[in-house]
Amino acid sequence: MAGQAQYEELARQLSAVGAVKRDLGRILPQDCSAGSAGVLALLGRHGDMRMSALSELLAVDMSVTSRHAAHLADRGWVERSPDPADKRSRILHLTPEGRTMLAELSRRSTELLAERLADWTDAEIGRLIGLLTRLRASFGDCRTIAHRPPLPPAPPPPVPVSEQAPTTRTPAQAT
């Protein structure tokens, strides 16, 4: 089993992955945020889905998902249609323009990764993919409550003034 120092270094390295994500975010078109790109990718991978299912996959509140869907619909990248099983719910699906944008996003990210990892061997890239896949599996579905750390214990309730011990103050402490 790895030691404390290794886990601390792993935490530092995982934190530094944020720089990689930011670099990938810089290549997005101006009107396509990282959240919008994530929605397009999920719809491309999983196909048409209810907003509630998308919200669950994104692990965000339904209001956030709704804003992403509205942004994408305004650009013509997704359509929201009534769910035949529940008219109150909406089904999201990619439009041809959305598929074109998704292909463009994929091209941009692939080119950036190919540029940055040009000196890596195919075996090293394969090993990284395998290790990242295993890391994600070790954490399971991070959206579930079972994987979240327990909340700290609640502070004890305040003692009513009538039950507090009397204090003696000197004039200097009374201010």
N, C-alpha and C. Protein backbone atom coordinates (compact mmCIF):
# COMPACT_ATOMS: atom_id res chain seq x y z
N MET A 1 0.83 -1.18 0.00
CA MET A 1 0.00 0.00 0.00
C MET A 1 0.88 1.25 0.00
N ALA A 2 0.43 2.26 -0.74
CA ALA A 2 1.19 3.50 -0.84
C ALA A 2 1.24 4.20 0.51
N GLY A 3 2.29 4.97 0.72
CA GLY A 3 2.45 5.70 1.97
C GLY A 3 1.84 7.08 1.90
N GLN A 4 1.84 7.74 3.04
CA GLN A 4 1.28 9.09 3.17
C GLN A 4 1.87 10.04 2.14
N ALA A 5 3.17 10.02 1.97
CA ALA A 5 3.83 10.95 1.04
C ALA A 5 3.36 10.71 -0.39
N GLN A 6 3.16 9.45 -0.76
CA GLN A 6 2.68 9.16 -2.12
C GLN A 6 1.26 9.68 -2.32
N TYR A 7 0.40 9.50 -1.33
CA TYR A 7 -0.97 9.99 -1.45
C TYR A 7 -0.99 11.52 -1.50
N GLU A 8 -0.11 12.17 -0.74
CA GLU A 8 -0.03 13.62 -0.79
C GLU A 8 0.43 14.09 -2.17
N GLU A 9 1.41 13.41 -2.75
CA GLU A 9 1.89 13.76 -4.08
C GLU A 9 0.81 13.50 -5.12
N LEU A 10 0.08 12.41 -4.98
CA LEU A 10 -1.02 12.12 -5.89
C LEU A 10 -2.07 13.22 -5.82
N ALA A 11 -2.40 13.67 -4.63
CA ALA A 11 -3.38 14.76 -4.47
C ALA A 11 -2.89 16.02 -5.17
N ARG A 12 -1.58 16.33 -5.03
CA ARG A 12 -1.02 17.51 -5.70
C ARG A 12 -1.11 17.36 -7.22
N GLN A 13 -0.78 16.18 -7.72
CA GLN A 13 -0.82 15.96 -9.17
C GLN A 13 -2.25 16.03 -9.71
N LEU A 14 -3.19 15.47 -8.97
CA LEU A 14 -4.59 15.53 -9.41
C LEU A 14 -5.09 16.96 -9.41
N SER A 15 -4.67 17.74 -8.43
CA SER A 15 -5.04 19.15 -8.38
C SER A 15 -4.47 19.88 -9.60
N ALA A 16 -3.26 19.53 -9.99
CA ALA A 16 -2.61 20.16 -11.14
C ALA A 16 -3.27 19.79 -12.46
N VAL A 17 -4.08 18.75 -12.48
CA VAL A 17 -4.80 18.37 -13.70
C VAL A 17 -5.75 19.50 -14.10
N GLY A 18 -6.09 20.35 -13.15
CA GLY A 18 -6.91 21.52 -13.46
C GLY A 18 -6.29 22.37 -14.57
N ALA A 19 -4.96 22.45 -14.61
CA ALA A 19 -4.29 23.22 -15.66
C ALA A 19 -4.55 22.60 -17.03
N VAL A 20 -4.58 21.28 -17.09
CA VAL A 20 -4.87 20.58 -18.34
C VAL A 20 -6.30 20.89 -18.76
N LYS A 21 -7.24 20.83 -17.82
CA LYS A 21 -8.64 21.12 -18.13
C LYS A 21 -8.80 22.57 -18.59
N ARG A 22 -8.09 23.49 -17.94
CA ARG A 22 -8.18 24.89 -18.36
C ARG A 22 -7.65 25.07 -19.79
N ASP A 23 -6.55 24.39 -20.11
CA ASP A 23 -5.99 24.47 -21.46
C ASP A 23 -6.99 23.91 -22.48
N LEU A 24 -7.64 22.82 -22.14
CA LEU A 24 -8.67 22.27 -23.02
C LEU A 24 -9.85 23.23 -23.14
N GLY A 25 -10.16 23.94 -22.07
CA GLY A 25 -11.24 24.91 -22.11
C GLY A 25 -10.94 26.11 -23.00
N ARG A 26 -9.67 26.45 -23.14
CA ARG A 26 -9.28 27.61 -23.95
C ARG A 26 -9.51 27.38 -25.44
N ILE A 27 -9.60 26.13 -25.86
CA ILE A 27 -9.78 25.86 -27.29
C ILE A 27 -11.25 25.81 -27.69
N LEU A 28 -12.16 25.96 -26.72
CA LEU A 28 -13.58 25.93 -27.03
C LEU A 28 -13.99 27.19 -27.78
N PRO A 29 -14.94 27.07 -28.70
CA PRO A 29 -15.45 28.28 -29.35
C PRO A 29 -16.03 29.23 -28.29
N GLN A 30 -16.02 30.52 -28.58
CA GLN A 30 -16.43 31.52 -27.61
C GLN A 30 -17.86 31.30 -27.11
N ASP A 31 -18.74 30.81 -27.96
CA ASP A 31 -20.14 30.64 -27.55
C ASP A 31 -20.44 29.24 -27.02
N CYS A 32 -19.39 28.48 -26.71
CA CYS A 32 -19.58 27.12 -26.18
C CYS A 32 -18.74 26.95 -24.91
N SER A 33 -19.40 27.06 -23.77
CA SER A 33 -18.71 26.91 -22.49
C SER A 33 -18.34 25.44 -22.26
N ALA A 34 -17.53 25.20 -21.26
CA ALA A 34 -17.17 23.81 -20.91
C ALA A 34 -18.42 23.02 -20.52
N GLY A 35 -19.34 23.67 -19.82
CA GLY A 35 -20.59 22.99 -19.45
C GLY A 35 -21.40 22.61 -20.67
N SER A 36 -21.49 23.51 -21.64
CA SER A 36 -22.22 23.22 -22.87
C SER A 36 -21.54 22.09 -23.64
N ALA A 37 -20.22 22.13 -23.68
CA ALA A 37 -19.48 21.06 -24.36
C ALA A 37 -19.74 19.72 -23.69
N GLY A 38 -19.81 19.73 -22.36
CA GLY A 38 -20.10 18.50 -21.63
C GLY A 38 -21.48 17.95 -21.95
N VAL A 39 -22.46 18.84 -22.07
CA VAL A 39 -23.81 18.41 -22.42
C VAL A 39 -23.82 17.81 -23.82
N LEU A 40 -23.18 18.49 -24.77
CA LEU A 40 -23.11 17.96 -26.13
C LEU A 40 -22.46 16.58 -26.15
N ALA A 41 -21.37 16.43 -25.39
CA ALA A 41 -20.66 15.15 -25.35
C ALA A 41 -21.55 14.05 -24.77
N LEU A 42 -22.28 14.36 -23.70
CA LEU A 42 -23.16 13.34 -23.11
C LEU A 42 -24.29 12.95 -24.05
N LEU A 43 -24.87 13.93 -24.73
CA LEU A 43 -25.93 13.62 -25.69
C LEU A 43 -25.37 12.82 -26.87
N GLY A 44 -24.16 13.16 -27.27
CA GLY A 44 -23.52 12.41 -28.35
C GLY A 44 -23.22 10.97 -27.95
N ARG A 45 -22.82 10.76 -26.71
CA ARG A 45 -22.47 9.42 -26.21
C ARG A 45 -23.70 8.59 -25.87
N HIS A 46 -24.68 9.21 -25.22
CA HIS A 46 -25.83 8.45 -24.70
C HIS A 46 -27.10 8.59 -25.53
N GLY A 47 -27.14 9.54 -26.45
CA GLY A 47 -28.34 9.74 -27.26
C GLY A 47 -29.36 10.60 -26.54
N ASP A 48 -30.56 10.67 -27.12
CA ASP A 48 -31.63 11.49 -26.58
C ASP A 48 -31.90 11.11 -25.12
N MET A 49 -32.19 12.12 -24.31
CA MET A 49 -32.50 11.83 -22.91
C MET A 49 -33.31 12.95 -22.28
N ARG A 50 -33.97 12.57 -21.21
CA ARG A 50 -34.72 13.55 -20.41
C ARG A 50 -33.74 14.50 -19.74
N MET A 51 -34.24 15.69 -19.47
CA MET A 51 -33.42 16.67 -18.76
C MET A 51 -33.02 16.14 -17.39
N SER A 52 -33.91 15.41 -16.73
CA SER A 52 -33.59 14.88 -15.39
C SER A 52 -32.44 13.88 -15.47
N ALA A 53 -32.41 13.06 -16.51
CA ALA A 53 -31.31 12.10 -16.67
C ALA A 53 -30.00 12.83 -16.95
N LEU A 54 -30.07 13.87 -17.76
CA LEU A 54 -28.88 14.66 -18.06
C LEU A 54 -28.37 15.34 -16.79
N SER A 55 -29.28 15.88 -16.00
CA SER A 55 -28.91 16.52 -14.74
C SER A 55 -28.19 15.54 -13.83
N GLU A 56 -28.68 14.31 -13.80
CA GLU A 56 -28.05 13.28 -12.98
C GLU A 56 -26.65 12.94 -13.49
N LEU A 57 -26.50 12.79 -14.80
CA LEU A 57 -25.18 12.49 -15.37
C LEU A 57 -24.18 13.63 -15.14
N LEU A 58 -24.68 14.85 -15.19
CA LEU A 58 -23.81 16.01 -14.95
C LEU A 58 -23.52 16.22 -13.48
N ALA A 59 -24.34 15.61 -12.63
CA ALA A 59 -24.24 15.78 -11.18
C ALA A 59 -24.40 17.23 -10.78
N VAL A 60 -25.41 17.87 -11.41
CA VAL A 60 -25.72 19.26 -11.10
C VAL A 60 -27.22 19.39 -10.89
N ASP A 61 -27.61 20.52 -10.32
CA ASP A 61 -29.01 20.81 -10.07
C ASP A 61 -29.75 20.95 -11.40
N MET A 62 -31.04 20.65 -11.38
CA MET A 62 -31.86 20.74 -12.58
C MET A 62 -31.86 22.15 -13.16
N SER A 63 -31.75 23.18 -12.33
CA SER A 63 -31.73 24.55 -12.84
C SER A 63 -30.49 24.81 -13.69
N VAL A 64 -29.36 24.22 -13.31
CA VAL A 64 -28.13 24.36 -14.09
C VAL A 64 -28.29 23.65 -15.43
N THR A 65 -28.85 22.45 -15.39
CA THR A 65 -29.08 21.69 -16.63
C THR A 65 -30.02 22.46 -17.55
N SER A 66 -31.04 23.06 -16.98
CA SER A 66 -31.99 23.84 -17.76
C SER A 66 -31.31 25.01 -18.45
N ARG A 67 -30.42 25.69 -17.75
CA ARG A 67 -29.68 26.81 -18.36
C ARG A 67 -28.79 26.33 -19.50
N HIS A 68 -28.10 25.20 -19.29
CA HIS A 68 -27.27 24.64 -20.37
C HIS A 68 -28.14 24.30 -21.58
N ALA A 69 -29.27 23.65 -21.33
CA ALA A 69 -30.17 23.25 -22.42
C ALA A 69 -30.68 24.47 -23.17
N ALA A 70 -31.04 25.52 -22.45
CA ALA A 70 -31.53 26.75 -23.09
C ALA A 70 -30.44 27.37 -23.95
N HIS A 71 -29.22 27.42 -23.42
CA HIS A 71 -28.08 27.98 -24.16
C HIS A 71 -27.86 27.20 -25.46
N LEU A 72 -27.88 25.88 -25.37
CA LEU A 72 -27.65 25.03 -26.54
C LEU A 72 -28.80 25.14 -27.54
N ALA A 73 -30.03 25.22 -27.03
CA ALA A 73 -31.19 25.36 -27.91
C ALA A 73 -31.15 26.71 -28.64
N ASP A 74 -30.75 27.77 -27.93
CA ASP A 74 -30.65 29.09 -28.56
C ASP A 74 -29.67 29.09 -29.73
N ARG A 75 -28.67 28.25 -29.67
CA ARG A 75 -27.68 28.16 -30.74
C ARG A 75 -28.05 27.14 -31.81
N GLY A 76 -29.15 26.44 -31.58
CA GLY A 76 -29.61 25.45 -32.55
C GLY A 76 -28.88 24.12 -32.47
N TRP A 77 -28.18 23.88 -31.35
CA TRP A 77 -27.40 22.65 -31.23
C TRP A 77 -28.21 21.50 -30.62
N VAL A 78 -29.26 21.82 -29.88
CA VAL A 78 -30.15 20.78 -29.34
C VAL A 78 -31.59 21.23 -29.53
N GLU A 79 -32.47 20.27 -29.53
CA GLU A 79 -33.90 20.54 -29.53
C GLU A 79 -34.48 19.93 -28.27
N ARG A 80 -35.46 20.64 -27.72
CA ARG A 80 -36.19 20.15 -26.55
C ARG A 80 -37.60 19.83 -27.00
N SER A 81 -37.98 18.58 -26.87
CA SER A 81 -39.33 18.20 -27.27
C SER A 81 -40.03 17.55 -26.09
N PRO A 82 -41.37 17.62 -26.07
CA PRO A 82 -42.11 17.02 -24.96
C PRO A 82 -41.87 15.50 -24.90
N ASP A 83 -41.77 14.99 -23.70
CA ASP A 83 -41.62 13.55 -23.48
C ASP A 83 -43.01 12.93 -23.66
N PRO A 84 -43.17 11.99 -24.61
CA PRO A 84 -44.49 11.39 -24.82
C PRO A 84 -45.03 10.69 -23.56
N ALA A 85 -44.14 10.21 -22.71
CA ALA A 85 -44.57 9.51 -21.49
C ALA A 85 -44.97 10.48 -20.38
N ASP A 86 -44.47 11.71 -20.44
CA ASP A 86 -44.75 12.70 -19.40
C ASP A 86 -44.63 14.07 -20.03
N LYS A 87 -45.74 14.67 -20.38
CA LYS A 87 -45.75 15.94 -21.12
C LYS A 87 -45.09 17.09 -20.35
N ARG A 88 -44.92 16.95 -19.02
CA ARG A 88 -44.25 17.99 -18.25
C ARG A 88 -42.74 17.96 -18.44
N SER A 89 -42.23 16.83 -18.87
CA SER A 89 -40.79 16.63 -19.02
C SER A 89 -40.38 16.89 -20.47
N ARG A 90 -39.11 17.21 -20.65
CA ARG A 90 -38.56 17.45 -21.98
C ARG A 90 -37.48 16.43 -22.31
N ILE A 91 -37.44 16.06 -23.58
CA ILE A 91 -36.39 15.19 -24.09
C ILE A 91 -35.44 16.07 -24.91
N LEU A 92 -34.16 15.92 -24.67
CA LEU A 92 -33.15 16.67 -25.42
C LEU A 92 -32.54 15.77 -26.48
N HIS A 93 -32.33 16.31 -27.66
CA HIS A 93 -31.59 15.57 -28.68
C HIS A 93 -30.77 16.53 -29.53
N LEU A 94 -29.65 16.01 -30.01
CA LEU A 94 -28.75 16.82 -30.83
C LEU A 94 -29.39 17.09 -32.19
N THR A 95 -29.21 18.30 -32.67
CA THR A 95 -29.60 18.65 -34.03
C THR A 95 -28.41 18.35 -34.95
N PRO A 96 -28.60 18.41 -36.26
CA PRO A 96 -27.44 18.27 -37.15
C PRO A 96 -26.35 19.31 -36.84
N GLU A 97 -26.77 20.54 -36.50
CA GLU A 97 -25.79 21.57 -36.13
C GLU A 97 -25.06 21.20 -34.84
N GLY A 98 -25.78 20.58 -33.92
CA GLY A 98 -25.16 20.12 -32.68
C GLY A 98 -24.15 19.02 -32.93
N ARG A 99 -24.46 18.12 -33.84
CA ARG A 99 -23.51 17.05 -34.19
C ARG A 99 -22.27 17.64 -34.86
N THR A 100 -22.47 18.67 -35.67
CA THR A 100 -21.33 19.35 -36.30
C THR A 100 -20.46 20.01 -35.25
N MET A 101 -21.09 20.69 -34.27
CA MET A 101 -20.33 21.33 -33.19
C MET A 101 -19.59 20.28 -32.37
N LEU A 102 -20.25 19.17 -32.07
CA LEU A 102 -19.60 18.10 -31.31
C LEU A 102 -18.39 17.56 -32.05
N ALA A 103 -18.51 17.39 -33.35
CA ALA A 103 -17.37 16.93 -34.16
C ALA A 103 -16.23 17.94 -34.12
N GLU A 104 -16.57 19.23 -34.15
CA GLU A 104 -15.56 20.29 -34.08
C GLU A 104 -14.86 20.28 -32.71
N LEU A 105 -15.63 20.12 -31.66
CA LEU A 105 -15.04 20.04 -30.32
C LEU A 105 -14.09 18.85 -30.20
N SER A 106 -14.50 17.73 -30.74
CA SER A 106 -13.67 16.53 -30.71
C SER A 106 -12.38 16.76 -31.50
N ARG A 107 -12.49 17.39 -32.66
CA ARG A 107 -11.31 17.67 -33.47
C ARG A 107 -10.34 18.56 -32.72
N ARG A 108 -10.87 19.62 -32.10
CA ARG A 108 -10.00 20.56 -31.38
C ARG A 108 -9.30 19.89 -30.20
N SER A 109 -10.03 19.12 -29.41
CA SER A 109 -9.41 18.49 -28.24
C SER A 109 -8.41 17.43 -28.66
N THR A 110 -8.72 16.69 -29.71
CA THR A 110 -7.79 15.67 -30.21
C THR A 110 -6.50 16.31 -30.70
N GLU A 111 -6.62 17.42 -31.44
CA GLU A 111 -5.43 18.11 -31.93
C GLU A 111 -4.57 18.65 -30.78
N LEU A 112 -5.21 19.22 -29.76
CA LEU A 112 -4.45 19.75 -28.63
C LEU A 112 -3.73 18.63 -27.88
N LEU A 113 -4.44 17.54 -27.62
CA LEU A 113 -3.81 16.42 -26.92
C LEU A 113 -2.67 15.83 -27.75
N ALA A 114 -2.87 15.70 -29.06
CA ALA A 114 -1.82 15.17 -29.93
C ALA A 114 -0.59 16.08 -29.91
N GLU A 115 -0.83 17.39 -29.89
CA GLU A 115 0.28 18.35 -29.83
C GLU A 115 1.03 18.26 -28.51
N ARG A 116 0.29 18.28 -27.39
CA ARG A 116 0.92 18.29 -26.07
C ARG A 116 1.59 16.95 -25.73
N LEU A 117 1.06 15.86 -26.27
CA LEU A 117 1.59 14.53 -25.94
C LEU A 117 2.39 13.94 -27.10
N ALA A 118 2.90 14.78 -27.97
CA ALA A 118 3.63 14.31 -29.15
C ALA A 118 4.85 13.46 -28.79
N ASP A 119 5.46 13.74 -27.64
CA ASP A 119 6.65 12.98 -27.26
C ASP A 119 6.31 11.75 -26.40
N TRP A 120 5.05 11.43 -26.24
CA TRP A 120 4.62 10.23 -25.51
C TRP A 120 4.49 9.08 -26.50
N THR A 121 4.79 7.89 -26.04
CA THR A 121 4.57 6.71 -26.89
C THR A 121 3.10 6.29 -26.81
N ASP A 122 2.69 5.50 -27.78
CA ASP A 122 1.32 4.96 -27.75
C ASP A 122 1.09 4.15 -26.48
N ALA A 123 2.12 3.43 -26.05
CA ALA A 123 2.00 2.61 -24.83
C ALA A 123 1.81 3.50 -23.60
N GLU A 124 2.51 4.64 -23.53
CA GLU A 124 2.35 5.55 -22.40
C GLU A 124 0.95 6.16 -22.37
N ILE A 125 0.46 6.55 -23.52
CA ILE A 125 -0.90 7.11 -23.58
C ILE A 125 -1.91 6.03 -23.19
N GLY A 126 -1.72 4.82 -23.68
CA GLY A 126 -2.60 3.71 -23.32
C GLY A 126 -2.56 3.43 -21.82
N ARG A 127 -1.37 3.49 -21.23
CA ARG A 127 -1.23 3.26 -19.79
C ARG A 127 -1.94 4.36 -19.00
N LEU A 128 -1.81 5.62 -19.45
CA LEU A 128 -2.49 6.72 -18.77
C LEU A 128 -4.00 6.54 -18.85
N ILE A 129 -4.50 6.19 -20.01
CA ILE A 129 -5.95 5.95 -20.16
C ILE A 129 -6.39 4.85 -19.21
N GLY A 130 -5.63 3.75 -19.16
CA GLY A 130 -5.97 2.64 -18.27
C GLY A 130 -5.96 3.05 -16.81
N LEU A 131 -4.96 3.80 -16.41
CA LEU A 131 -4.86 4.22 -15.01
C LEU A 131 -5.96 5.22 -14.64
N LEU A 132 -6.26 6.16 -15.54
CA LEU A 132 -7.35 7.11 -15.26
C LEU A 132 -8.69 6.39 -15.19
N THR A 133 -8.89 5.42 -16.06
CA THR A 133 -10.12 4.63 -16.03
C THR A 133 -10.23 3.89 -14.71
N ARG A 134 -9.15 3.31 -14.27
CA ARG A 134 -9.15 2.59 -13.00
C ARG A 134 -9.38 3.54 -11.82
N LEU A 135 -8.76 4.72 -11.87
CA LEU A 135 -8.96 5.72 -10.81
C LEU A 135 -10.43 6.09 -10.71
N ARG A 136 -11.05 6.39 -11.85
CA ARG A 136 -12.48 6.74 -11.84
C ARG A 136 -13.31 5.59 -11.28
N ALA A 137 -12.98 4.36 -11.66
CA ALA A 137 -13.74 3.20 -11.15
C ALA A 137 -13.55 3.06 -9.64
N SER A 138 -12.37 3.37 -9.14
CA SER A 138 -12.12 3.27 -7.70
C SER A 138 -12.98 4.25 -6.91
N PHE A 139 -13.31 5.36 -7.53
CA PHE A 139 -14.15 6.35 -6.85
C PHE A 139 -15.63 6.08 -7.08
N GLY A 140 -15.95 5.20 -8.00
CA GLY A 140 -17.34 4.87 -8.27
C GLY A 140 -18.10 6.07 -8.77
N ASP A 141 -19.38 6.06 -8.53
CA ASP A 141 -20.24 7.15 -8.94
C ASP A 141 -20.16 8.23 -7.87
N CYS A 142 -19.34 9.22 -8.11
CA CYS A 142 -19.09 10.27 -7.12
C CYS A 142 -20.32 11.11 -6.82
N ARG A 143 -21.39 10.91 -7.59
CA ARG A 143 -22.60 11.69 -7.35
C ARG A 143 -23.43 11.12 -6.22
N THR A 144 -23.16 9.87 -5.83
CA THR A 144 -23.99 9.25 -4.81
C THR A 144 -23.53 9.66 -3.43
N ILE A 145 -24.45 9.69 -2.51
CA ILE A 145 -24.16 10.09 -1.13
C ILE A 145 -23.20 9.13 -0.46
N ALA A 146 -23.25 7.85 -0.82
CA ALA A 146 -22.41 6.84 -0.17
C ALA A 146 -20.92 7.15 -0.30
N HIS A 147 -20.52 7.90 -1.34
CA HIS A 147 -19.10 8.16 -1.55
C HIS A 147 -18.66 9.52 -1.01
N ARG A 148 -19.59 10.27 -0.46
CA ARG A 148 -19.22 11.57 0.08
C ARG A 148 -18.75 11.41 1.52
N PRO A 149 -17.78 12.23 1.92
CA PRO A 149 -17.31 12.13 3.31
C PRO A 149 -18.43 12.51 4.27
N PRO A 150 -18.43 11.93 5.45
CA PRO A 150 -19.48 12.27 6.41
C PRO A 150 -19.37 13.73 6.83
N LEU A 151 -20.51 14.31 7.13
CA LEU A 151 -20.52 15.69 7.60
C LEU A 151 -19.95 15.75 9.01
N PRO A 152 -19.31 16.86 9.37
CA PRO A 152 -18.79 16.97 10.74
C PRO A 152 -19.97 16.98 11.71
N PRO A 153 -19.73 16.57 12.94
CA PRO A 153 -20.83 16.55 13.91
C PRO A 153 -21.36 17.96 14.14
N ALA A 154 -22.65 18.03 14.38
CA ALA A 154 -23.28 19.33 14.63
C ALA A 154 -22.78 19.88 15.96
N PRO A 155 -22.63 21.21 16.04
CA PRO A 155 -22.20 21.78 17.33
C PRO A 155 -23.30 21.59 18.36
N PRO A 156 -22.93 21.52 19.64
CA PRO A 156 -23.95 21.35 20.67
C PRO A 156 -24.87 22.57 20.71
N PRO A 157 -26.12 22.38 21.09
CA PRO A 157 -27.04 23.52 21.14
C PRO A 157 -26.56 24.53 22.18
N PRO A 158 -26.86 25.81 21.99
CA PRO A 158 -26.42 26.82 22.96
C PRO A 158 -27.14 26.60 24.30
N VAL A 159 -26.43 26.94 25.35
CA VAL A 159 -26.99 26.82 26.70
C VAL A 159 -27.84 28.06 26.95
N PRO A 160 -29.10 27.89 27.38
CA PRO A 160 -29.93 29.08 27.67
C PRO A 160 -29.27 29.93 28.73
N VAL A 161 -29.47 31.23 28.62
CA VAL A 161 -28.86 32.19 29.55
C VAL A 161 -29.23 31.85 30.99
N SER A 162 -30.45 31.39 31.23
CA SER A 162 -30.88 31.08 32.59
C SER A 162 -30.08 29.93 33.20
N GLU A 163 -29.46 29.08 32.38
CA GLU A 163 -28.70 27.94 32.89
C GLU A 163 -27.20 28.20 32.93
N GLN A 164 -26.75 29.36 32.41
CA GLN A 164 -25.32 29.65 32.39
C GLN A 164 -24.87 30.06 33.79
N ALA A 165 -23.63 29.71 34.10
CA ALA A 165 -23.05 30.09 35.39
C ALA A 165 -22.82 31.59 35.41
N PRO A 166 -23.10 32.25 36.55
CA PRO A 166 -22.87 33.71 36.62
C PRO A 166 -21.37 34.01 36.51
N THR A 167 -21.06 35.12 35.89
CA THR A 167 -19.66 35.54 35.75
C THR A 167 -19.44 36.82 36.52
N THR A 168 -18.22 37.01 36.93
CA THR A 168 -17.87 38.23 37.65
C THR A 168 -16.93 39.00 36.74
N ARG A 169 -17.23 40.26 36.52
CA ARG A 169 -16.39 41.07 35.64
C ARG A 169 -15.85 42.25 36.41
N THR A 170 -14.64 42.58 36.12
CA THR A 170 -14.06 43.81 36.67
C THR A 170 -14.41 44.93 35.70
N PRO A 171 -14.35 46.16 36.12
CA PRO A 171 -14.70 47.27 35.20
C PRO A 171 -13.92 47.22 33.89
N ALA A 172 -12.68 46.77 33.90
CA ALA A 172 -11.88 46.72 32.67
C ALA A 172 -12.42 45.68 31.70
N GLN A 173 -13.03 44.60 32.19
CA GLN A 173 -13.54 43.53 31.32
C GLN A 173 -14.94 43.84 30.81
N ALA A 174 -15.64 44.76 31.41
CA ALA A 174 -17.04 45.03 31.08
C ALA A 174 -17.19 45.74 29.75
N THR A 175 -16.15 46.29 29.17
CA THR A 175 -16.27 47.05 27.94
C THR A 175 -16.42 46.21 26.74
